[in-house]
Every structure is written in structure tokens, then in C-alpha cells.
Amino acid sequence: MTKTVAVKMLGAVSLQLAYVASGRLDGYFEFGDDYYDWLAGSLLVQEAGGIITNGQGGPFTWGTSGIITANTSLHGKMVAELREL
């Protein structure tokens, strides 16, 4: 079975995380170590009731590698799919 991941850049990471917080996007992920770019947006998602984890699905903390954020019904599915990549 082939899996496809569609990626569409919508602008700055902070904007994409704000879209997740507002419900415009269901989820967002990025790999790397740009946690300075993720901090403010991750707070928006958290305050809106979304889930934020590191790239492996663990706690999102200072110095984390990667970010996965989504609403509560989608986050677990995103983590599972991204682990298979």
C-alpha cells in the first residue's frame, strides 16, 4: 500500500499554527529544530485545545526536534502515520 503526504506551504510557520488553533487546518507537522519558530504558535494551539508533541509524538519541550500539532481527534492518527515515514 502506497501512502501519500500532501504538503502545501501556506506562509510562515506561526500562521500555519494559528490556522490549526482556529480550525482552518486540521493539523500541521514539521521536522527539524526550529523551535523558536514554533513556540508562539504552539501556545495558540494549546490554548485552543489542540495537542502539540515533538516529531516522535513525545512531549513538546525546549530543544525538541520536530513538531506535530492537531486537534484531539486527528493527532494520534498523524503521529502513527508519520512514524511509518
PDB file of N, CA and C in Angstrom:
ATOM      1  N   MET A   1       0.841  -1.176   0.000  1.00  0.00           N
ATOM      2  CA  MET A   1       0.000   0.000   0.000  1.00  0.00           C
ATOM      3  C   MET A   1       0.885   1.238   0.000  1.00  0.00           C
ATOM      4  N   THR A   2       0.625   2.141  -0.915  1.00  0.00           N
ATOM      5  CA  THR A   2       1.386   3.378  -1.016  1.00  0.00           C
ATOM      6  C   THR A   2       0.701   4.470  -0.231  1.00  0.00           C
ATOM      7  N   LYS A   3       1.497   5.224   0.517  1.00  0.00           N
ATOM      8  CA  LYS A   3       0.964   6.341   1.288  1.00  0.00           C
ATOM      9  C   LYS A   3       1.415   7.634   0.635  1.00  0.00           C
ATOM     10  N   THR A   4       0.534   8.593   0.610  1.00  0.00           N
ATOM     11  CA  THR A   4       0.827   9.883   0.022  1.00  0.00           C
ATOM     12  C   THR A   4       0.667  10.966   1.070  1.00  0.00           C
ATOM     13  N   VAL A   5       1.614  11.867   1.123  1.00  0.00           N
ATOM     14  CA  VAL A   5       1.539  13.007   2.022  1.00  0.00           C
ATOM     15  C   VAL A   5       1.484  14.251   1.150  1.00  0.00           C
ATOM     16  N   ALA A   6       0.427  15.021   1.295  1.00  0.00           N
ATOM     17  CA  ALA A   6       0.286  16.265   0.543  1.00  0.00           C
ATOM     18  C   ALA A   6       0.787  17.415   1.398  1.00  0.00           C
ATOM     19  N   VAL A   7       1.613  18.239   0.821  1.00  0.00           N
ATOM     20  CA  VAL A   7       2.166  19.372   1.543  1.00  0.00           C
ATOM     21  C   VAL A   7       1.857  20.645   0.751  1.00  0.00           C
ATOM     22  N   LYS A   8       1.319  21.627   1.420  1.00  0.00           N
ATOM     23  CA  LYS A   8       1.050  22.918   0.798  1.00  0.00           C
ATOM     24  C   LYS A   8       1.539  23.994   1.742  1.00  0.00           C
ATOM     25  N   MET A   9       2.499  24.748   1.312  1.00  0.00           N
ATOM     26  CA  MET A   9       3.031  25.817   2.146  1.00  0.00           C
ATOM     27  C   MET A   9       2.045  26.976   2.155  1.00  0.00           C
ATOM     28  N   LEU A  10       1.697  27.420   3.328  1.00  0.00           N
ATOM     29  CA  LEU A  10       0.715  28.484   3.481  1.00  0.00           C
ATOM     30  C   LEU A  10       1.316  29.766   4.013  1.00  0.00           C
ATOM     31  N   GLY A  11       2.605  29.841   4.136  1.00  0.00           N
ATOM     32  CA  GLY A  11       3.246  31.024   4.684  1.00  0.00           C
ATOM     33  C   GLY A  11       4.104  30.645   5.870  1.00  0.00           C
ATOM     34  N   ALA A  12       4.241  31.582   6.785  1.00  0.00           N
ATOM     35  CA  ALA A  12       5.093  31.371   7.961  1.00  0.00           C
ATOM     36  C   ALA A  12       4.530  30.264   8.854  1.00  0.00           C
ATOM     37  N   VAL A  13       5.413  29.595   9.568  1.00  0.00           N
ATOM     38  CA  VAL A  13       5.015  28.538  10.487  1.00  0.00           C
ATOM     39  C   VAL A  13       4.030  29.067  11.519  1.00  0.00           C
ATOM     40  N   SER A  14       4.246  30.258  12.013  1.00  0.00           N
ATOM     41  CA  SER A  14       3.340  30.826  13.011  1.00  0.00           C
ATOM     42  C   SER A  14       1.928  30.957  12.449  1.00  0.00           C
ATOM     43  N   LEU A  15       1.802  31.294  11.175  1.00  0.00           N
ATOM     44  CA  LEU A  15       0.496  31.393  10.545  1.00  0.00           C
ATOM     45  C   LEU A  15      -0.158  30.018  10.433  1.00  0.00           C
ATOM     46  N   GLN A  16       0.615  29.013  10.070  1.00  0.00           N
ATOM     47  CA  GLN A  16       0.074  27.667   9.946  1.00  0.00           C
ATOM     48  C   GLN A  16      -0.402  27.140  11.300  1.00  0.00           C
ATOM     49  N   LEU A  17       0.350  27.420  12.359  1.00  0.00           N
ATOM     50  CA  LEU A  17      -0.069  27.003  13.693  1.00  0.00           C
ATOM     51  C   LEU A  17      -1.303  27.780  14.149  1.00  0.00           C
ATOM     52  N   ALA A  18      -1.400  29.046  13.771  1.00  0.00           N
ATOM     53  CA  ALA A  18      -2.606  29.826  14.079  1.00  0.00           C
ATOM     54  C   ALA A  18      -3.810  29.244  13.337  1.00  0.00           C
ATOM     55  N   TYR A  19      -3.598  28.756  12.127  1.00  0.00           N
ATOM     56  CA  TYR A  19      -4.671  28.108  11.378  1.00  0.00           C
ATOM     57  C   TYR A  19      -5.134  26.826  12.074  1.00  0.00           C
ATOM     58  N   VAL A  20      -4.214  26.068  12.631  1.00  0.00           N
ATOM     59  CA  VAL A  20      -4.603  24.871  13.388  1.00  0.00           C
ATOM     60  C   VAL A  20      -5.411  25.281  14.618  1.00  0.00           C
ATOM     61  N   ALA A  21      -4.955  26.308  15.313  1.00  0.00           N
ATOM     62  CA  ALA A  21      -5.655  26.771  16.518  1.00  0.00           C
ATOM     63  C   ALA A  21      -7.069  27.246  16.193  1.00  0.00           C
ATOM     64  N   SER A  22      -7.247  27.876  15.036  1.00  0.00           N
ATOM     65  CA  SER A  22      -8.563  28.403  14.674  1.00  0.00           C
ATOM     66  C   SER A  22      -9.459  27.380  13.993  1.00  0.00           C
ATOM     67  N   GLY A  23      -8.880  26.246  13.593  1.00  0.00           N
ATOM     68  CA  GLY A  23      -9.667  25.220  12.916  1.00  0.00           C
ATOM     69  C   GLY A  23      -9.613  25.286  11.400  1.00  0.00           C
ATOM     70  N   ARG A  24      -8.859  26.219  10.851  1.00  0.00           N
ATOM     71  CA  ARG A  24      -8.709  26.292   9.393  1.00  0.00           C
ATOM     72  C   ARG A  24      -7.909  25.106   8.851  1.00  0.00           C
ATOM     73  N   LEU A  25      -6.931  24.645   9.623  1.00  0.00           N
ATOM     74  CA  LEU A  25      -6.174  23.439   9.295  1.00  0.00           C
ATOM     75  C   LEU A  25      -6.445  22.401  10.367  1.00  0.00           C
ATOM     76  N   ASP A  26      -6.521  21.152   9.960  1.00  0.00           N
ATOM     77  CA  ASP A  26      -6.734  20.077  10.932  1.00  0.00           C
ATOM     78  C   ASP A  26      -5.458  19.722  11.672  1.00  0.00           C
ATOM     79  N   GLY A  27      -4.322  19.854  11.021  1.00  0.00           N
ATOM     80  CA  GLY A  27      -3.063  19.505  11.654  1.00  0.00           C
ATOM     81  C   GLY A  27      -1.884  20.068  10.883  1.00  0.00           C
ATOM     82  N   TYR A  28      -0.725  20.022  11.524  1.00  0.00           N
ATOM     83  CA  TYR A  28       0.500  20.529  10.926  1.00  0.00           C
ATOM     84  C   TYR A  28       1.672  19.760  11.507  1.00  0.00           C
ATOM     85  N   PHE A  29       2.648  19.448  10.675  1.00  0.00           N
ATOM     86  CA  PHE A  29       3.884  18.843  11.179  1.00  0.00           C
ATOM     87  C   PHE A  29       5.068  19.428  10.439  1.00  0.00           C
ATOM     88  N   GLU A  30       6.184  19.410  11.128  1.00  0.00           N
ATOM     89  CA  GLU A  30       7.439  19.872  10.542  1.00  0.00           C
ATOM     90  C   GLU A  30       8.564  19.184  11.287  1.00  0.00           C
ATOM     91  N   PHE A  31       9.564  18.757  10.544  1.00  0.00           N
ATOM     92  CA  PHE A  31      10.722  18.154  11.179  1.00  0.00           C
ATOM     93  C   PHE A  31      11.867  19.158  11.168  1.00  0.00           C
ATOM     94  N   GLY A  32      12.740  19.081  12.132  1.00  0.00           N
ATOM     95  CA  GLY A  32      13.860  19.998  12.244  1.00  0.00           C
ATOM     96  C   GLY A  32      14.012  20.462  13.676  1.00  0.00           C
ATOM     97  N   ASP A  33      14.688  21.579  13.839  1.00  0.00           N
ATOM     98  CA  ASP A  33      14.919  22.105  15.191  1.00  0.00           C
ATOM     99  C   ASP A  33      14.636  23.604  15.262  1.00  0.00           C
ATOM    100  N   ASP A  34      13.601  24.027  14.591  1.00  0.00           N
ATOM    101  CA  ASP A  34      13.239  25.446  14.554  1.00  0.00           C
ATOM    102  C   ASP A  34      12.267  25.807  15.669  1.00  0.00           C
ATOM    103  N   TYR A  35      12.553  25.355  16.888  1.00  0.00           N
ATOM    104  CA  TYR A  35      11.584  25.555  17.973  1.00  0.00           C
ATOM    105  C   TYR A  35      11.328  27.013  18.287  1.00  0.00           C
ATOM    106  N   TYR A  36      12.230  27.911  17.948  1.00  0.00           N
ATOM    107  CA  TYR A  36      11.947  29.339  18.135  1.00  0.00           C
ATOM    108  C   TYR A  36      10.766  29.763  17.255  1.00  0.00           C
ATOM    109  N   ASP A  37      10.651  29.173  16.088  1.00  0.00           N
ATOM    110  CA  ASP A  37       9.546  29.477  15.183  1.00  0.00           C
ATOM    111  C   ASP A  37       8.234  28.846  15.650  1.00  0.00           C
ATOM    112  N   TRP A  38       8.309  27.807  16.467  1.00  0.00           N
ATOM    113  CA  TRP A  38       7.120  27.059  16.870  1.00  0.00           C
ATOM    114  C   TRP A  38       6.526  27.509  18.204  1.00  0.00           C
ATOM    115  N   LEU A  39       7.290  28.187  19.039  1.00  0.00           N
ATOM    116  CA  LEU A  39       6.860  28.454  20.419  1.00  0.00           C
ATOM    117  C   LEU A  39       5.552  29.241  20.518  1.00  0.00           C
ATOM    118  N   ALA A  40       5.454  30.385  19.870  1.00  0.00           N
ATOM    119  CA  ALA A  40       4.249  31.197  19.996  1.00  0.00           C
ATOM    120  C   ALA A  40       3.036  30.490  19.401  1.00  0.00           C
ATOM    121  N   GLY A  41       3.203  29.897  18.238  1.00  0.00           N
ATOM    122  CA  GLY A  41       2.097  29.191  17.596  1.00  0.00           C
ATOM    123  C   GLY A  41       1.651  27.973  18.376  1.00  0.00           C
ATOM    124  N   SER A  42       2.596  27.283  19.014  1.00  0.00           N
ATOM    125  CA  SER A  42       2.222  26.106  19.798  1.00  0.00           C
ATOM    126  C   SER A  42       1.384  26.502  21.012  1.00  0.00           C
ATOM    127  N   LEU A  43       1.650  27.679  21.568  1.00  0.00           N
ATOM    128  CA  LEU A  43       0.824  28.167  22.672  1.00  0.00           C
ATOM    129  C   LEU A  43      -0.599  28.448  22.193  1.00  0.00           C
ATOM    130  N   LEU A  44      -0.739  29.020  21.012  1.00  0.00           N
ATOM    131  CA  LEU A  44      -2.073  29.251  20.449  1.00  0.00           C
ATOM    132  C   LEU A  44      -2.843  27.940  20.315  1.00  0.00           C
ATOM    133  N   VAL A  45      -2.184  26.920  19.771  1.00  0.00           N
ATOM    134  CA  VAL A  45      -2.844  25.623  19.587  1.00  0.00           C
ATOM    135  C   VAL A  45      -3.230  25.027  20.933  1.00  0.00           C
ATOM    136  N   GLN A  46      -2.318  25.080  21.884  1.00  0.00           N
ATOM    137  CA  GLN A  46      -2.591  24.528  23.215  1.00  0.00           C
ATOM    138  C   GLN A  46      -3.772  25.242  23.872  1.00  0.00           C
ATOM    139  N   GLU A  47      -3.799  26.558  23.810  1.00  0.00           N
ATOM    140  CA  GLU A  47      -4.892  27.326  24.418  1.00  0.00           C
ATOM    141  C   GLU A  47      -6.221  27.075  23.722  1.00  0.00           C
ATOM    142  N   ALA A  48      -6.180  26.700  22.446  1.00  0.00           N
ATOM    143  CA  ALA A  48      -7.399  26.396  21.704  1.00  0.00           C
ATOM    144  C   ALA A  48      -7.869  24.961  21.929  1.00  0.00           C
ATOM    145  N   GLY A  49      -7.090  24.181  22.682  1.00  0.00           N
ATOM    146  CA  GLY A  49      -7.491  22.804  22.984  1.00  0.00           C
ATOM    147  C   GLY A  49      -6.857  21.752  22.105  1.00  0.00           C
ATOM    148  N   GLY A  50      -5.910  22.150  21.262  1.00  0.00           N
ATOM    149  CA  GLY A  50      -5.217  21.193  20.401  1.00  0.00           C
ATOM    150  C   GLY A  50      -4.084  20.497  21.140  1.00  0.00           C
ATOM    151  N   ILE A  51      -3.446  19.583  20.452  1.00  0.00           N
ATOM    152  CA  ILE A  51      -2.350  18.807  21.027  1.00  0.00           C
ATOM    153  C   ILE A  51      -1.070  19.134  20.267  1.00  0.00           C
ATOM    154  N   ILE A  52       0.011  19.325  21.003  1.00  0.00           N
ATOM    155  CA  ILE A  52       1.324  19.604  20.437  1.00  0.00           C
ATOM    156  C   ILE A  52       2.303  18.581  20.990  1.00  0.00           C
ATOM    157  N   THR A  53       3.044  17.921  20.116  1.00  0.00           N
ATOM    158  CA  THR A  53       4.093  16.999  20.553  1.00  0.00           C
ATOM    159  C   THR A  53       5.332  17.228  19.699  1.00  0.00           C
ATOM    160  N   ASN A  54       6.415  16.577  20.092  1.00  0.00           N
ATOM    161  CA  ASN A  54       7.615  16.637  19.259  1.00  0.00           C
ATOM    162  C   ASN A  54       7.415  15.735  18.038  1.00  0.00           C
ATOM    163  N   GLY A  55       8.407  15.644  17.195  1.00  0.00           N
ATOM    164  CA  GLY A  55       8.306  14.886  15.958  1.00  0.00           C
ATOM    165  C   GLY A  55       8.110  13.397  16.124  1.00  0.00           C
ATOM    166  N   GLN A  56       8.346  12.867  17.325  1.00  0.00           N
ATOM    167  CA  GLN A  56       8.146  11.449  17.588  1.00  0.00           C
ATOM    168  C   GLN A  56       6.873  11.188  18.394  1.00  0.00           C
ATOM    169  N   GLY A  57       6.129  12.224  18.709  1.00  0.00           N
ATOM    170  CA  GLY A  57       4.905  12.060  19.488  1.00  0.00           C
ATOM    171  C   GLY A  57       5.090  12.223  20.982  1.00  0.00           C
ATOM    172  N   GLY A  58       6.300  12.574  21.421  1.00  0.00           N
ATOM    173  CA  GLY A  58       6.578  12.796  22.842  1.00  0.00           C
ATOM    174  C   GLY A  58       6.290  14.233  23.235  1.00  0.00           C
ATOM    175  N   PRO A  59       6.589  14.591  24.459  1.00  0.00           N
ATOM    176  CA  PRO A  59       6.309  15.949  24.941  1.00  0.00           C
ATOM    177  C   PRO A  59       7.058  17.019  24.135  1.00  0.00           C
ATOM    178  N   PHE A  60       6.373  18.088  23.853  1.00  0.00           N
ATOM    179  CA  PHE A  60       6.982  19.237  23.170  1.00  0.00           C
ATOM    180  C   PHE A  60       7.629  20.111  24.231  1.00  0.00           C
ATOM    181  N   THR A  61       8.951  20.136  24.250  1.00  0.00           N
ATOM    182  CA  THR A  61       9.695  20.880  25.261  1.00  0.00           C
ATOM    183  C   THR A  61      10.779  21.713  24.584  1.00  0.00           C
ATOM    184  N   TRP A  62      11.450  22.509  25.387  1.00  0.00           N
ATOM    185  CA  TRP A  62      12.557  23.316  24.887  1.00  0.00           C
ATOM    186  C   TRP A  62      13.614  22.421  24.266  1.00  0.00           C
ATOM    187  N   GLY A  63      14.031  22.734  23.068  1.00  0.00           N
ATOM    188  CA  GLY A  63      15.058  21.965  22.379  1.00  0.00           C
ATOM    189  C   GLY A  63      14.522  20.747  21.661  1.00  0.00           C
ATOM    190  N   THR A  64      13.213  20.642  21.547  1.00  0.00           N
ATOM    191  CA  THR A  64      12.603  19.483  20.906  1.00  0.00           C
ATOM    192  C   THR A  64      12.970  19.412  19.429  1.00  0.00           C
ATOM    193  N   SER A  65      12.842  18.257  18.850  1.00  0.00           N
ATOM    194  CA  SER A  65      13.127  18.051  17.438  1.00  0.00           C
ATOM    195  C   SER A  65      11.828  17.716  16.722  1.00  0.00           C
ATOM    196  N   GLY A  66      11.376  18.594  15.877  1.00  0.00           N
ATOM    197  CA  GLY A  66      10.134  18.382  15.145  1.00  0.00           C
ATOM    198  C   GLY A  66       8.920  18.792  15.951  1.00  0.00           C
ATOM    199  N   ILE A  67       7.807  18.985  15.244  1.00  0.00           N
ATOM    200  CA  ILE A  67       6.552  19.336  15.895  1.00  0.00           C
ATOM    201  C   ILE A  67       5.405  18.674  15.139  1.00  0.00           C
ATOM    202  N   ILE A  68       4.484  18.128  15.892  1.00  0.00           N
ATOM    203  CA  ILE A  68       3.241  17.602  15.351  1.00  0.00           C
ATOM    204  C   ILE A  68       2.134  18.241  16.157  1.00  0.00           C
ATOM    205  N   THR A  69       1.206  18.884  15.497  1.00  0.00           N
ATOM    206  CA  THR A  69       0.108  19.535  16.194  1.00  0.00           C
ATOM    207  C   THR A  69      -1.184  19.329  15.414  1.00  0.00           C
ATOM    208  N   ALA A  70      -2.241  19.072  16.147  1.00  0.00           N
ATOM    209  CA  ALA A  70      -3.536  18.820  15.509  1.00  0.00           C
ATOM    210  C   ALA A  70      -4.634  18.881  16.553  1.00  0.00           C
ATOM    211  N   ASN A  71      -5.863  18.742  16.079  1.00  0.00           N
ATOM    212  CA  ASN A  71      -6.975  18.650  17.010  1.00  0.00           C
ATOM    213  C   ASN A  71      -6.930  17.287  17.712  1.00  0.00           C
ATOM    214  N   THR A  72      -7.728  17.122  18.732  1.00  0.00           N
ATOM    215  CA  THR A  72      -7.647  15.909  19.554  1.00  0.00           C
ATOM    216  C   THR A  72      -8.037  14.645  18.804  1.00  0.00           C
ATOM    217  N   SER A  73      -8.900  14.731  17.830  1.00  0.00           N
ATOM    218  CA  SER A  73      -9.320  13.531  17.116  1.00  0.00           C
ATOM    219  C   SER A  73      -8.323  13.102  16.038  1.00  0.00           C
ATOM    220  N   LEU A  74      -7.489  14.003  15.571  1.00  0.00           N
ATOM    221  CA  LEU A  74      -6.559  13.691  14.485  1.00  0.00           C
ATOM    222  C   LEU A  74      -5.129  13.446  14.939  1.00  0.00           C
ATOM    223  N   HIS A  75      -4.725  13.995  16.050  1.00  0.00           N
ATOM    224  CA  HIS A  75      -3.319  13.971  16.445  1.00  0.00           C
ATOM    225  C   HIS A  75      -2.734  12.560  16.504  1.00  0.00           C
ATOM    226  N   GLY A  76      -3.403  11.649  17.157  1.00  0.00           N
ATOM    227  CA  GLY A  76      -2.899  10.274  17.265  1.00  0.00           C
ATOM    228  C   GLY A  76      -2.712   9.613  15.909  1.00  0.00           C
ATOM    229  N   LYS A  77      -3.619   9.868  14.993  1.00  0.00           N
ATOM    230  CA  LYS A  77      -3.510   9.309  13.646  1.00  0.00           C
ATOM    231  C   LYS A  77      -2.320   9.896  12.906  1.00  0.00           C
ATOM    232  N   MET A  78      -2.082  11.201  13.091  1.00  0.00           N
ATOM    233  CA  MET A  78      -0.925  11.830  12.446  1.00  0.00           C
ATOM    234  C   MET A  78       0.376  11.248  12.968  1.00  0.00           C
ATOM    235  N   VAL A  79       0.472  11.070  14.281  1.00  0.00           N
ATOM    236  CA  VAL A  79       1.688  10.501  14.876  1.00  0.00           C
ATOM    237  C   VAL A  79       1.938   9.115  14.309  1.00  0.00           C
ATOM    238  N   ALA A  80       0.893   8.292  14.260  1.00  0.00           N
ATOM    239  CA  ALA A  80       1.043   6.919  13.748  1.00  0.00           C
ATOM    240  C   ALA A  80       1.497   6.917  12.294  1.00  0.00           C
ATOM    241  N   GLU A  81       0.896   7.759  11.471  1.00  0.00           N
ATOM    242  CA  GLU A  81       1.269   7.811  10.050  1.00  0.00           C
ATOM    243  C   GLU A  81       2.698   8.339   9.867  1.00  0.00           C
ATOM    244  N   LEU A  82       3.070   9.349  10.628  1.00  0.00           N
ATOM    245  CA  LEU A  82       4.407   9.923  10.478  1.00  0.00           C
ATOM    246  C   LEU A  82       5.487   8.976  10.970  1.00  0.00           C
ATOM    247  N   ARG A  83       5.188   8.110  11.906  1.00  0.00           N
ATOM    248  CA  ARG A  83       6.165   7.112  12.357  1.00  0.00           C
ATOM    249  C   ARG A  83       6.496   6.134  11.261  1.00  0.00           C
ATOM    250  N   GLU A  84       5.563   5.919  10.337  1.00  0.00           N
ATOM    251  CA  GLU A  84       5.779   4.978   9.238  1.00  0.00           C
ATOM    252  C   GLU A  84       6.602   5.567   8.091  1.00  0.00           C
ATOM    253  N   LEU A  85       6.792   6.885   8.089  1.00  0.00           N
ATOM    254  CA  LEU A  85       7.564   7.521   7.009  1.00  0.00           C
ATOM    255  C   LEU A  85       9.035   7.263   7.129  1.00  0.00           C
TER     256      LEU A  85
END
